[in-house]
Amino acid sequence: MLEGALTSAARSVVVDTRIGTGKEAGAWFGSNKAGVEDEADRLLQAASLHNRYREAATAALAGLVLGP
C-alpha cells in the first residue's frame, strides 16, 4: 500500500516514473544488476561518497539511460 502511494506521488510530479527491480534496472542500463551496481560503486568511489548511496546511484544510472 505504501509503495502505491509513493508511486502515485512520484507520478504526480514526473509522469514517466518507472518502478523496477535491480534486475530491471540492470537491463535498462544495458547490462545486468551486478553490472549497473559495479558502475554505481565506481562512480561513488570516484566522488568519495559512501556506498550507502549505492541504490540511489544505481537507479540514477538506469534513469539516465532511459532518458526523457
Foldseek 3Di string as FASTA:
>chain_A
DVVVVVVVVVCVVPVPDDDDDLQVLQVLLVHGSVVLLVVLVVVCVVVVHDCVCSVVSSNVSSDVSVPD
